[in-house]
Amino acid sequence: MKALIALIATLTASVSLASDVEIVNVQAAQSGGIWQFDVTLRHADSGWEHYADGWEVLALNGTSLGMRVLAHPHVNEQPFTRSLGGIVIPDGTTEVIIRARDNVDGWTVETYTFNLP
């Protein structure tokens, strides 16, 4: 019984420590029809075993317009901002969706709708 209680406590602690990647801020600028996005993320990176590993710009219909892969953990740099340029946004588009992921839980449920300037 003690072992079961210890296991439940461990699992509960693990779940409470895990968190989705939070999209804190998004900025975008257009130059000659090409866009650059600067996305600020927050995540409880714990090292190579669990870290935010990417974010993506999507059209409202779900089409991927560009993805930034994050190649390493940012344990001591929270929140952090990374950029992605070279994104072509279809004419007439007024907003896009940003989503983020980590290397353990995958894509977060919460997304960020960004109104293009």
PDB file of N, CA and C in Angstrom:
ATOM      1  N   MET A   1       0.820  -1.195   0.000  1.00  0.00           N
ATOM      2  CA  MET A   1       0.000   0.000   0.000  1.00  0.00           C
ATOM      3  C   MET A   1       0.863   1.258   0.000  1.00  0.00           C
ATOM      4  N   LYS A   2       1.943   1.260   0.813  1.00  0.00           N
ATOM      5  CA  LYS A   2       2.835   2.415   0.849  1.00  0.00           C
ATOM      6  C   LYS A   2       3.471   2.661  -0.517  1.00  0.00           C
ATOM      7  N   ALA A   3       3.801   1.564  -1.205  1.00  0.00           N
ATOM      8  CA  ALA A   3       4.406   1.692  -2.531  1.00  0.00           C
ATOM      9  C   ALA A   3       3.424   2.336  -3.510  1.00  0.00           C
ATOM     10  N   LEU A   4       2.155   1.951  -3.410  1.00  0.00           N
ATOM     11  CA  LEU A   4       1.129   2.527  -4.280  1.00  0.00           C
ATOM     12  C   LEU A   4       0.954   4.018  -4.004  1.00  0.00           C
ATOM     13  N   ILE A   5       0.926   4.389  -2.749  1.00  0.00           N
ATOM     14  CA  ILE A   5       0.788   5.806  -2.380  1.00  0.00           C
ATOM     15  C   ILE A   5       1.994   6.594  -2.881  1.00  0.00           C
ATOM     16  N   ALA A   6       3.188   6.031  -2.766  1.00  0.00           N
ATOM     17  CA  ALA A   6       4.405   6.699  -3.246  1.00  0.00           C
ATOM     18  C   ALA A   6       4.355   6.869  -4.760  1.00  0.00           C
ATOM     19  N   LEU A   7       3.886   5.849  -5.477  1.00  0.00           N
ATOM     20  CA  LEU A   7       3.771   5.922  -6.923  1.00  0.00           C
ATOM     21  C   LEU A   7       2.786   7.005  -7.339  1.00  0.00           C
ATOM     22  N   ILE A   8       1.641   7.060  -6.686  1.00  0.00           N
ATOM     23  CA  ILE A   8       0.635   8.086  -6.999  1.00  0.00           C
ATOM     24  C   ILE A   8       1.194   9.475  -6.725  1.00  0.00           C
ATOM     25  N   ALA A   9       1.897   9.645  -5.635  1.00  0.00           N
ATOM     26  CA  ALA A   9       2.498  10.942  -5.308  1.00  0.00           C
ATOM     27  C   ALA A   9       3.523  11.342  -6.355  1.00  0.00           C
ATOM     28  N   THR A  10       4.313  10.389  -6.812  1.00  0.00           N
ATOM     29  CA  THR A  10       5.318  10.679  -7.841  1.00  0.00           C
ATOM     30  C   THR A  10       4.660  11.076  -9.151  1.00  0.00           C
ATOM     31  N   LEU A  11       3.643  10.334  -9.562  1.00  0.00           N
ATOM     32  CA  LEU A  11       2.948  10.656 -10.804  1.00  0.00           C
ATOM     33  C   LEU A  11       2.261  12.006 -10.714  1.00  0.00           C
ATOM     34  N   THR A  12       1.653  12.311  -9.594  1.00  0.00           N
ATOM     35  CA  THR A  12       0.996  13.602  -9.407  1.00  0.00           C
ATOM     36  C   THR A  12       2.008  14.732  -9.480  1.00  0.00           C
ATOM     37  N   ALA A  13       3.161  14.549  -8.869  1.00  0.00           N
ATOM     38  CA  ALA A  13       4.213  15.579  -8.908  1.00  0.00           C
ATOM     39  C   ALA A  13       4.702  15.775 -10.332  1.00  0.00           C
ATOM     40  N   SER A  14       4.861  14.694 -11.084  1.00  0.00           N
ATOM     41  CA  SER A  14       5.317  14.799 -12.464  1.00  0.00           C
ATOM     42  C   SER A  14       4.320  15.559 -13.311  1.00  0.00           C
ATOM     43  N   VAL A  15       3.055  15.286 -13.149  1.00  0.00           N
ATOM     44  CA  VAL A  15       2.027  15.963 -13.921  1.00  0.00           C
ATOM     45  C   VAL A  15       1.979  17.437 -13.569  1.00  0.00           C
ATOM     46  N   SER A  16       2.102  17.765 -12.300  1.00  0.00           N
ATOM     47  CA  SER A  16       2.021  19.165 -11.913  1.00  0.00           C
ATOM     48  C   SER A  16       3.238  19.952 -12.378  1.00  0.00           C
ATOM     49  N   LEU A  17       4.393  19.285 -12.577  1.00  0.00           N
ATOM     50  CA  LEU A  17       5.581  19.980 -13.054  1.00  0.00           C
ATOM     51  C   LEU A  17       5.559  20.163 -14.566  1.00  0.00           C
ATOM     52  N   ALA A  18       4.882  19.298 -15.265  1.00  0.00           N
ATOM     53  CA  ALA A  18       4.814  19.415 -16.713  1.00  0.00           C
ATOM     54  C   ALA A  18       3.922  20.582 -17.084  1.00  0.00           C
ATOM     55  N   SER A  19       4.313  21.280 -18.137  1.00  0.00           N
ATOM     56  CA  SER A  19       3.491  22.394 -18.578  1.00  0.00           C
ATOM     57  C   SER A  19       3.598  22.535 -20.081  1.00  0.00           C
ATOM     58  N   ASP A  20       2.562  23.103 -20.655  1.00  0.00           N
ATOM     59  CA  ASP A  20       2.594  23.381 -22.076  1.00  0.00           C
ATOM     60  C   ASP A  20       3.543  24.529 -22.349  1.00  0.00           C
ATOM     61  N   VAL A  21       3.907  24.648 -23.599  1.00  0.00           N
ATOM     62  CA  VAL A  21       4.682  25.799 -24.032  1.00  0.00           C
ATOM     63  C   VAL A  21       3.717  26.973 -24.129  1.00  0.00           C
ATOM     64  N   GLU A  22       4.053  28.068 -23.468  1.00  0.00           N
ATOM     65  CA  GLU A  22       3.214  29.271 -23.502  1.00  0.00           C
ATOM     66  C   GLU A  22       3.786  30.245 -24.518  1.00  0.00           C
ATOM     67  N   ILE A  23       2.923  30.712 -25.420  1.00  0.00           N
ATOM     68  CA  ILE A  23       3.317  31.748 -26.370  1.00  0.00           C
ATOM     69  C   ILE A  23       3.064  33.082 -25.682  1.00  0.00           C
ATOM     70  N   VAL A  24       4.133  33.767 -25.321  1.00  0.00           N
ATOM     71  CA  VAL A  24       4.061  34.986 -24.530  1.00  0.00           C
ATOM     72  C   VAL A  24       3.818  36.204 -25.408  1.00  0.00           C
ATOM     73  N   ASN A  25       4.466  36.245 -26.581  1.00  0.00           N
ATOM     74  CA  ASN A  25       4.356  37.413 -27.448  1.00  0.00           C
ATOM     75  C   ASN A  25       4.691  37.018 -28.883  1.00  0.00           C
ATOM     76  N   VAL A  26       4.094  37.733 -29.830  1.00  0.00           N
ATOM     77  CA  VAL A  26       4.393  37.548 -31.247  1.00  0.00           C
ATOM     78  C   VAL A  26       4.508  38.928 -31.881  1.00  0.00           C
ATOM     79  N   GLN A  27       5.543  39.091 -32.685  1.00  0.00           N
ATOM     80  CA  GLN A  27       5.692  40.288 -33.500  1.00  0.00           C
ATOM     81  C   GLN A  27       5.992  39.831 -34.908  1.00  0.00           C
ATOM     82  N   ALA A  28       5.562  40.631 -35.889  1.00  0.00           N
ATOM     83  CA  ALA A  28       5.819  40.281 -37.283  1.00  0.00           C
ATOM     84  C   ALA A  28       6.060  41.549 -38.082  1.00  0.00           C
ATOM     85  N   ALA A  29       6.900  41.416 -39.093  1.00  0.00           N
ATOM     86  CA  ALA A  29       7.180  42.531 -39.988  1.00  0.00           C
ATOM     87  C   ALA A  29       7.261  41.995 -41.408  1.00  0.00           C
ATOM     88  N   GLN A  30       6.770  42.816 -42.337  1.00  0.00           N
ATOM     89  CA  GLN A  30       6.753  42.437 -43.739  1.00  0.00           C
ATOM     90  C   GLN A  30       7.749  43.295 -44.510  1.00  0.00           C
ATOM     91  N   SER A  31       8.465  42.652 -45.420  1.00  0.00           N
ATOM     92  CA  SER A  31       9.390  43.366 -46.288  1.00  0.00           C
ATOM     93  C   SER A  31       9.328  42.735 -47.669  1.00  0.00           C
ATOM     94  N   GLY A  32       8.761  43.468 -48.622  1.00  0.00           N
ATOM     95  CA  GLY A  32       8.685  42.958 -49.994  1.00  0.00           C
ATOM     96  C   GLY A  32       7.878  41.694 -50.147  1.00  0.00           C
ATOM     97  N   GLY A  33       6.817  41.556 -49.394  1.00  0.00           N
ATOM     98  CA  GLY A  33       5.963  40.374 -49.504  1.00  0.00           C
ATOM     99  C   GLY A  33       6.423  39.188 -48.678  1.00  0.00           C
ATOM    100  N   ILE A  34       7.553  39.308 -48.016  1.00  0.00           N
ATOM    101  CA  ILE A  34       8.079  38.245 -47.162  1.00  0.00           C
ATOM    102  C   ILE A  34       7.968  38.708 -45.714  1.00  0.00           C
ATOM    103  N   TRP A  35       7.562  37.790 -44.857  1.00  0.00           N
ATOM    104  CA  TRP A  35       7.350  38.116 -43.445  1.00  0.00           C
ATOM    105  C   TRP A  35       8.422  37.498 -42.568  1.00  0.00           C
ATOM    106  N   GLN A  36       8.708  38.193 -41.464  1.00  0.00           N
ATOM    107  CA  GLN A  36       9.529  37.638 -40.389  1.00  0.00           C
ATOM    108  C   GLN A  36       8.702  37.669 -39.121  1.00  0.00           C
ATOM    109  N   PHE A  37       8.714  36.554 -38.395  1.00  0.00           N
ATOM    110  CA  PHE A  37       8.010  36.447 -37.120  1.00  0.00           C
ATOM    111  C   PHE A  37       9.023  36.288 -35.992  1.00  0.00           C
ATOM    112  N   ASP A  38       8.789  37.016 -34.907  1.00  0.00           N
ATOM    113  CA  ASP A  38       9.565  36.907 -33.677  1.00  0.00           C
ATOM    114  C   ASP A  38       8.597  36.410 -32.611  1.00  0.00           C
ATOM    115  N   VAL A  39       8.832  35.211 -32.119  1.00  0.00           N
ATOM    116  CA  VAL A  39       7.914  34.567 -31.179  1.00  0.00           C
ATOM    117  C   VAL A  39       8.630  34.341 -29.848  1.00  0.00           C
ATOM    118  N   THR A  40       7.981  34.788 -28.781  1.00  0.00           N
ATOM    119  CA  THR A  40       8.518  34.614 -27.432  1.00  0.00           C
ATOM    120  C   THR A  40       7.754  33.482 -26.747  1.00  0.00           C
ATOM    121  N   LEU A  41       8.512  32.511 -26.240  1.00  0.00           N
ATOM    122  CA  LEU A  41       7.937  31.336 -25.590  1.00  0.00           C
ATOM    123  C   LEU A  41       8.393  31.245 -24.140  1.00  0.00           C
ATOM    124  N   ARG A  42       7.563  30.575 -23.350  1.00  0.00           N
ATOM    125  CA  ARG A  42       7.932  30.220 -21.978  1.00  0.00           C
ATOM    126  C   ARG A  42       7.590  28.737 -21.789  1.00  0.00           C
ATOM    127  N   HIS A  43       8.532  28.001 -21.213  1.00  0.00           N
ATOM    128  CA  HIS A  43       8.313  26.583 -20.950  1.00  0.00           C
ATOM    129  C   HIS A  43       9.240  26.161 -19.819  1.00  0.00           C
ATOM    130  N   ALA A  44       8.806  25.230 -19.032  1.00  0.00           N
ATOM    131  CA  ALA A  44       9.621  24.734 -17.918  1.00  0.00           C
ATOM    132  C   ALA A  44      10.663  23.747 -18.437  1.00  0.00           C
ATOM    133  N   ASP A  45      11.538  24.231 -19.331  1.00  0.00           N
ATOM    134  CA  ASP A  45      12.598  23.366 -19.856  1.00  0.00           C
ATOM    135  C   ASP A  45      13.406  22.804 -18.693  1.00  0.00           C
ATOM    136  N   SER A  46      13.651  21.497 -18.736  1.00  0.00           N
ATOM    137  CA  SER A  46      14.431  20.866 -17.672  1.00  0.00           C
ATOM    138  C   SER A  46      15.737  20.287 -18.193  1.00  0.00           C
ATOM    139  N   GLY A  47      16.022  20.500 -19.458  1.00  0.00           N
ATOM    140  CA  GLY A  47      17.221  19.951 -20.086  1.00  0.00           C
ATOM    141  C   GLY A  47      16.819  19.185 -21.336  1.00  0.00           C
ATOM    142  N   TRP A  48      17.738  18.380 -21.830  1.00  0.00           N
ATOM    143  CA  TRP A  48      17.492  17.653 -23.075  1.00  0.00           C
ATOM    144  C   TRP A  48      16.305  16.698 -22.983  1.00  0.00           C
ATOM    145  N   GLU A  49      15.961  16.271 -21.782  1.00  0.00           N
ATOM    146  CA  GLU A  49      14.862  15.308 -21.641  1.00  0.00           C
ATOM    147  C   GLU A  49      13.483  15.949 -21.812  1.00  0.00           C
ATOM    148  N   HIS A  50      13.375  17.286 -21.660  1.00  0.00           N
ATOM    149  CA  HIS A  50      12.074  17.956 -21.816  1.00  0.00           C
ATOM    150  C   HIS A  50      12.290  19.442 -22.061  1.00  0.00           C
ATOM    151  N   TYR A  51      12.035  19.865 -23.303  1.00  0.00           N
ATOM    152  CA  TYR A  51      12.214  21.281 -23.639  1.00  0.00           C
ATOM    153  C   TYR A  51      11.315  21.687 -24.805  1.00  0.00           C
ATOM    154  N   ALA A  52      11.041  22.993 -24.908  1.00  0.00           N
ATOM    155  CA  ALA A  52      10.293  23.523 -26.044  1.00  0.00           C
ATOM    156  C   ALA A  52      11.166  23.356 -27.282  1.00  0.00           C
ATOM    157  N   ASP A  53      10.636  22.668 -28.297  1.00  0.00           N
ATOM    158  CA  ASP A  53      11.478  22.366 -29.454  1.00  0.00           C
ATOM    159  C   ASP A  53      10.978  22.927 -30.781  1.00  0.00           C
ATOM    160  N   GLY A  54       9.950  23.805 -30.733  1.00  0.00           N
ATOM    161  CA  GLY A  54       9.557  24.424 -31.986  1.00  0.00           C
ATOM    162  C   GLY A  54       8.278  25.216 -31.903  1.00  0.00           C
ATOM    163  N   TRP A  55       8.084  26.055 -32.930  1.00  0.00           N
ATOM    164  CA  TRP A  55       6.823  26.776 -33.105  1.00  0.00           C
ATOM    165  C   TRP A  55       6.551  26.903 -34.598  1.00  0.00           C
ATOM    166  N   GLU A  56       5.285  27.149 -34.926  1.00  0.00           N
ATOM    167  CA  GLU A  56       4.851  27.128 -36.320  1.00  0.00           C
ATOM    168  C   GLU A  56       3.840  28.235 -36.580  1.00  0.00           C
ATOM    169  N   VAL A  57       3.903  28.791 -37.786  1.00  0.00           N
ATOM    170  CA  VAL A  57       2.925  29.763 -38.262  1.00  0.00           C
ATOM    171  C   VAL A  57       1.973  29.020 -39.198  1.00  0.00           C
ATOM    172  N   LEU A  58       0.663  29.127 -38.898  1.00  0.00           N
ATOM    173  CA  LEU A  58      -0.353  28.439 -39.702  1.00  0.00           C
ATOM    174  C   LEU A  58      -1.346  29.434 -40.293  1.00  0.00           C
ATOM    175  N   ALA A  59      -1.827  29.127 -41.500  1.00  0.00           N
ATOM    176  CA  ALA A  59      -2.973  29.844 -42.043  1.00  0.00           C
ATOM    177  C   ALA A  59      -4.202  29.389 -41.261  1.00  0.00           C
ATOM    178  N   LEU A  60      -5.281  30.143 -41.333  1.00  0.00           N
ATOM    179  CA  LEU A  60      -6.491  29.786 -40.584  1.00  0.00           C
ATOM    180  C   LEU A  60      -7.051  28.429 -40.996  1.00  0.00           C
ATOM    181  N   ASN A  61      -6.753  27.977 -42.216  1.00  0.00           N
ATOM    182  CA  ASN A  61      -7.234  26.664 -42.659  1.00  0.00           C
ATOM    183  C   ASN A  61      -6.314  25.523 -42.226  1.00  0.00           C
ATOM    184  N   GLY A  62      -5.253  25.857 -41.455  1.00  0.00           N
ATOM    185  CA  GLY A  62      -4.352  24.831 -40.942  1.00  0.00           C
ATOM    186  C   GLY A  62      -3.108  24.595 -41.776  1.00  0.00           C
ATOM    187  N   THR A  63      -2.989  25.252 -42.915  1.00  0.00           N
ATOM    188  CA  THR A  63      -1.808  25.102 -43.758  1.00  0.00           C
ATOM    189  C   THR A  63      -0.586  25.702 -43.067  1.00  0.00           C
ATOM    190  N   SER A  64       0.499  24.940 -43.026  1.00  0.00           N
ATOM    191  CA  SER A  64       1.728  25.438 -42.427  1.00  0.00           C
ATOM    192  C   SER A  64       2.386  26.442 -43.363  1.00  0.00           C
ATOM    193  N   LEU A  65       2.705  27.622 -42.819  1.00  0.00           N
ATOM    194  CA  LEU A  65       3.369  28.671 -43.588  1.00  0.00           C
ATOM    195  C   LEU A  65       4.856  28.739 -43.247  1.00  0.00           C
ATOM    196  N   GLY A  66       5.241  28.168 -42.137  1.00  0.00           N
ATOM    197  CA  GLY A  66       6.644  28.148 -41.740  1.00  0.00           C
ATOM    198  C   GLY A  66       6.794  27.581 -40.346  1.00  0.00           C
ATOM    199  N   MET A  67       7.933  26.927 -40.110  1.00  0.00           N
ATOM    200  CA  MET A  67       8.171  26.331 -38.798  1.00  0.00           C
ATOM    201  C   MET A  67       9.585  26.623 -38.342  1.00  0.00           C
ATOM    202  N   ARG A  68       9.706  27.001 -37.084  1.00  0.00           N
ATOM    203  CA  ARG A  68      11.012  27.231 -36.460  1.00  0.00           C
ATOM    204  C   ARG A  68      11.292  26.062 -35.527  1.00  0.00           C
ATOM    205  N   VAL A  69      12.351  25.324 -35.815  1.00  0.00           N
ATOM    206  CA  VAL A  69      12.779  24.229 -34.952  1.00  0.00           C
ATOM    207  C   VAL A  69      13.767  24.795 -33.949  1.00  0.00           C
ATOM    208  N   LEU A  70      13.585  24.437 -32.690  1.00  0.00           N
ATOM    209  CA  LEU A  70      14.484  24.863 -31.620  1.00  0.00           C
ATOM    210  C   LEU A  70      15.381  23.680 -31.290  1.00  0.00           C
ATOM    211  N   ALA A  71      16.681  23.856 -31.461  1.00  0.00           N
ATOM    212  CA  ALA A  71      17.614  22.739 -31.439  1.00  0.00           C
ATOM    213  C   ALA A  71      18.165  22.378 -30.063  1.00  0.00           C
ATOM    214  N   HIS A  72      17.811  23.168 -29.036  1.00  0.00           N
ATOM    215  CA  HIS A  72      18.359  22.864 -27.712  1.00  0.00           C
ATOM    216  C   HIS A  72      17.464  23.458 -26.629  1.00  0.00           C
ATOM    217  N   PRO A  73      17.609  22.989 -25.395  1.00  0.00           N
ATOM    218  CA  PRO A  73      16.819  23.522 -24.282  1.00  0.00           C
ATOM    219  C   PRO A  73      17.250  24.944 -23.922  1.00  0.00           C
ATOM    220  N   HIS A  74      16.332  25.673 -23.302  1.00  0.00           N
ATOM    221  CA  HIS A  74      16.581  27.034 -22.826  1.00  0.00           C
ATOM    222  C   HIS A  74      16.277  27.090 -21.325  1.00  0.00           C
ATOM    223  N   VAL A  75      16.972  26.264 -20.568  1.00  0.00           N
ATOM    224  CA  VAL A  75      16.711  26.107 -19.140  1.00  0.00           C
ATOM    225  C   VAL A  75      16.871  27.429 -18.398  1.00  0.00           C
ATOM    226  N   ASN A  76      17.930  28.161 -18.682  1.00  0.00           N
ATOM    227  CA  ASN A  76      18.238  29.391 -17.949  1.00  0.00           C
ATOM    228  C   ASN A  76      17.886  30.654 -18.729  1.00  0.00           C
ATOM    229  N   GLU A  77      17.090  30.515 -19.755  1.00  0.00           N
ATOM    230  CA  GLU A  77      16.697  31.661 -20.583  1.00  0.00           C
ATOM    231  C   GLU A  77      15.183  31.599 -20.799  1.00  0.00           C
ATOM    232  N   GLN A  78      14.424  32.071 -19.842  1.00  0.00           N
ATOM    233  CA  GLN A  78      12.967  32.013 -19.896  1.00  0.00           C
ATOM    234  C   GLN A  78      12.370  33.367 -19.537  1.00  0.00           C
ATOM    235  N   PRO A  79      11.429  33.861 -20.262  1.00  0.00           N
ATOM    236  CA  PRO A  79      11.043  33.401 -21.598  1.00  0.00           C
ATOM    237  C   PRO A  79      12.134  33.745 -22.606  1.00  0.00           C
ATOM    238  N   PHE A  80      12.034  33.188 -23.807  1.00  0.00           N
ATOM    239  CA  PHE A  80      13.024  33.443 -24.838  1.00  0.00           C
ATOM    240  C   PHE A  80      12.334  33.699 -26.173  1.00  0.00           C
ATOM    241  N   THR A  81      13.003  34.471 -27.033  1.00  0.00           N
ATOM    242  CA  THR A  81      12.446  34.842 -28.334  1.00  0.00           C
ATOM    243  C   THR A  81      13.330  34.297 -29.434  1.00  0.00           C
ATOM    244  N   ARG A  82      12.688  33.723 -30.444  1.00  0.00           N
ATOM    245  CA  ARG A  82      13.399  33.260 -31.629  1.00  0.00           C
ATOM    246  C   ARG A  82      12.628  33.730 -32.858  1.00  0.00           C
ATOM    247  N   SER A  83      13.364  33.939 -33.942  1.00  0.00           N
ATOM    248  CA  SER A  83      12.792  34.500 -35.165  1.00  0.00           C
ATOM    249  C   SER A  83      12.784  33.481 -36.289  1.00  0.00           C
ATOM    250  N   LEU A  84      11.889  33.735 -37.234  1.00  0.00           N
ATOM    251  CA  LEU A  84      11.829  32.948 -38.463  1.00  0.00           C
ATOM    252  C   LEU A  84      11.427  33.888 -39.584  1.00  0.00           C
ATOM    253  N   GLY A  85      12.253  33.967 -40.602  1.00  0.00           N
ATOM    254  CA  GLY A  85      11.964  34.812 -41.759  1.00  0.00           C
ATOM    255  C   GLY A  85      11.644  33.971 -42.978  1.00  0.00           C
ATOM    256  N   GLY A  86      11.401  34.666 -44.080  1.00  0.00           N
ATOM    257  CA  GLY A  86      11.136  33.987 -45.342  1.00  0.00           C
ATOM    258  C   GLY A  86       9.745  33.407 -45.464  1.00  0.00           C
ATOM    259  N   ILE A  87       8.818  33.881 -44.654  1.00  0.00           N
ATOM    260  CA  ILE A  87       7.457  33.331 -44.671  1.00  0.00           C
ATOM    261  C   ILE A  87       6.605  34.106 -45.676  1.00  0.00           C
ATOM    262  N   VAL A  88       5.998  33.379 -46.584  1.00  0.00           N
ATOM    263  CA  VAL A  88       5.088  33.973 -47.565  1.00  0.00           C
ATOM    264  C   VAL A  88       3.666  33.753 -47.075  1.00  0.00           C
ATOM    265  N   ILE A  89       2.934  34.857 -46.927  1.00  0.00           N
ATOM    266  CA  ILE A  89       1.549  34.795 -46.452  1.00  0.00           C
ATOM    267  C   ILE A  89       0.636  35.071 -47.642  1.00  0.00           C
ATOM    268  N   PRO A  90      -0.350  34.225 -47.869  1.00  0.00           N
ATOM    269  CA  PRO A  90      -1.246  34.432 -49.013  1.00  0.00           C
ATOM    270  C   PRO A  90      -1.937  35.804 -48.981  1.00  0.00           C
ATOM    271  N   ASP A  91      -2.097  36.394 -50.163  1.00  0.00           N
ATOM    272  CA  ASP A  91      -2.796  37.682 -50.281  1.00  0.00           C
ATOM    273  C   ASP A  91      -4.168  37.601 -49.630  1.00  0.00           C
ATOM    274  N   GLY A  92      -4.554  38.677 -48.969  1.00  0.00           N
ATOM    275  CA  GLY A  92      -5.861  38.750 -48.336  1.00  0.00           C
ATOM    276  C   GLY A  92      -5.912  38.177 -46.939  1.00  0.00           C
ATOM    277  N   THR A  93      -4.823  37.566 -46.489  1.00  0.00           N
ATOM    278  CA  THR A  93      -4.780  36.994 -45.140  1.00  0.00           C
ATOM    279  C   THR A  93      -4.627  38.119 -44.128  1.00  0.00           C
ATOM    280  N   THR A  94      -5.480  38.129 -43.131  1.00  0.00           N
ATOM    281  CA  THR A  94      -5.428  39.187 -42.114  1.00  0.00           C
ATOM    282  C   THR A  94      -4.976  38.676 -40.754  1.00  0.00           C
ATOM    283  N   GLU A  95      -4.987  37.355 -40.565  1.00  0.00           N
ATOM    284  CA  GLU A  95      -4.508  36.789 -39.307  1.00  0.00           C
ATOM    285  C   GLU A  95      -3.970  35.388 -39.535  1.00  0.00           C
ATOM    286  N   VAL A  96      -3.070  34.991 -38.658  1.00  0.00           N
ATOM    287  CA  VAL A  96      -2.477  33.661 -38.694  1.00  0.00           C
ATOM    288  C   VAL A  96      -2.529  33.076 -37.287  1.00  0.00           C
ATOM    289  N   ILE A  97      -2.242  31.811 -37.198  1.00  0.00           N
ATOM    290  CA  ILE A  97      -2.222  31.115 -35.910  1.00  0.00           C
ATOM    291  C   ILE A  97      -0.784  30.682 -35.639  1.00  0.00           C
ATOM    292  N   ILE A  98      -0.353  30.882 -34.406  1.00  0.00           N
ATOM    293  CA  ILE A  98       0.952  30.400 -33.968  1.00  0.00           C
ATOM    294  C   ILE A  98       0.695  29.270 -32.975  1.00  0.00           C
ATOM    295  N   ARG A  99       1.412  28.175 -33.148  1.00  0.00           N
ATOM    296  CA  ARG A  99       1.336  27.095 -32.173  1.00  0.00           C
ATOM    297  C   ARG A  99       2.753  26.672 -31.820  1.00  0.00           C
ATOM    298  N   ALA A 100       2.899  26.077 -30.650  1.00  0.00           N
ATOM    299  CA  ALA A 100       4.221  25.685 -30.161  1.00  0.00           C
ATOM    300  C   ALA A 100       4.177  24.238 -29.683  1.00  0.00           C
ATOM    301  N   ARG A 101       5.364  23.677 -29.518  1.00  0.00           N
ATOM    302  CA  ARG A 101       5.438  22.282 -29.063  1.00  0.00           C
ATOM    303  C   ARG A 101       6.658  22.073 -28.185  1.00  0.00           C
ATOM    304  N   ASP A 102       6.634  20.940 -27.477  1.00  0.00           N
ATOM    305  CA  ASP A 102       7.834  20.494 -26.771  1.00  0.00           C
ATOM    306  C   ASP A 102       8.130  19.054 -27.172  1.00  0.00           C
ATOM    307  N   ASN A 103       9.319  18.600 -26.826  1.00  0.00           N
ATOM    308  CA  ASN A 103       9.773  17.295 -27.307  1.00  0.00           C
ATOM    309  C   ASN A 103       9.172  16.105 -26.568  1.00  0.00           C
ATOM    310  N   VAL A 104       8.365  16.349 -25.534  1.00  0.00           N
ATOM    311  CA  VAL A 104       7.720  15.252 -24.804  1.00  0.00           C
ATOM    312  C   VAL A 104       6.226  15.208 -25.112  1.00  0.00           C
ATOM    313  N   ASP A 105       5.553  16.346 -24.980  1.00  0.00           N
ATOM    314  CA  ASP A 105       4.096  16.393 -25.098  1.00  0.00           C
ATOM    315  C   ASP A 105       3.597  16.762 -26.485  1.00  0.00           C
ATOM    316  N   GLY A 106       4.475  17.186 -27.379  1.00  0.00           N
ATOM    317  CA  GLY A 106       4.069  17.563 -28.727  1.00  0.00           C
ATOM    318  C   GLY A 106       3.431  18.943 -28.759  1.00  0.00           C
ATOM    319  N   TRP A 107       2.520  19.140 -29.712  1.00  0.00           N
ATOM    320  CA  TRP A 107       1.877  20.439 -29.915  1.00  0.00           C
ATOM    321  C   TRP A 107       0.942  20.772 -28.757  1.00  0.00           C
ATOM    322  N   THR A 108       0.975  22.023 -28.332  1.00  0.00           N
ATOM    323  CA  THR A 108       0.084  22.467 -27.265  1.00  0.00           C
ATOM    324  C   THR A 108      -1.329  22.637 -27.803  1.00  0.00           C
ATOM    325  N   VAL A 109      -2.285  22.547 -26.920  1.00  0.00           N
ATOM    326  CA  VAL A 109      -3.683  22.746 -27.287  1.00  0.00           C
ATOM    327  C   VAL A 109      -3.946  24.232 -27.527  1.00  0.00           C
ATOM    328  N   GLU A 110      -3.382  25.067 -26.665  1.00  0.00           N
ATOM    329  CA  GLU A 110      -3.584  26.511 -26.780  1.00  0.00           C
ATOM    330  C   GLU A 110      -2.764  27.059 -27.943  1.00  0.00           C
ATOM    331  N   THR A 111      -3.399  27.868 -28.787  1.00  0.00           N
ATOM    332  CA  THR A 111      -2.710  28.531 -29.886  1.00  0.00           C
ATOM    333  C   THR A 111      -2.825  30.047 -29.684  1.00  0.00           C
ATOM    334  N   TYR A 112      -2.148  30.784 -30.534  1.00  0.00           N
ATOM    335  CA  TYR A 112      -2.120  32.238 -30.446  1.00  0.00           C
ATOM    336  C   TYR A 112      -2.561  32.770 -31.800  1.00  0.00           C
ATOM    337  N   THR A 113      -3.667  33.484 -31.846  1.00  0.00           N
ATOM    338  CA  THR A 113      -4.129  34.103 -33.089  1.00  0.00           C
ATOM    339  C   THR A 113      -3.486  35.468 -33.198  1.00  0.00           C
ATOM    340  N   PHE A 114      -2.807  35.703 -34.306  1.00  0.00           N
ATOM    341  CA  PHE A 114      -2.076  36.954 -34.499  1.00  0.00           C
ATOM    342  C   PHE A 114      -2.676  37.727 -35.666  1.00  0.00           C
ATOM    343  N   ASN A 115      -3.087  38.966 -35.392  1.00  0.00           N
ATOM    344  CA  ASN A 115      -3.597  39.851 -36.437  1.00  0.00           C
ATOM    345  C   ASN A 115      -2.414  40.501 -37.138  1.00  0.00           C
ATOM    346  N   LEU A 116      -2.325  40.306 -38.428  1.00  0.00           N
ATOM    347  CA  LEU A 116      -1.208  40.856 -39.188  1.00  0.00           C
ATOM    348  C   LEU A 116      -1.300  42.371 -39.239  1.00  0.00           C
ATOM    349  N   PRO A 117      -0.165  43.061 -39.062  1.00  0.00           N
ATOM    350  CA  PRO A 117      -0.200  44.536 -39.102  1.00  0.00           C
ATOM    351  C   PRO A 117      -0.444  45.054 -40.514  1.00  0.00           C
TER     352      PRO A 117
END
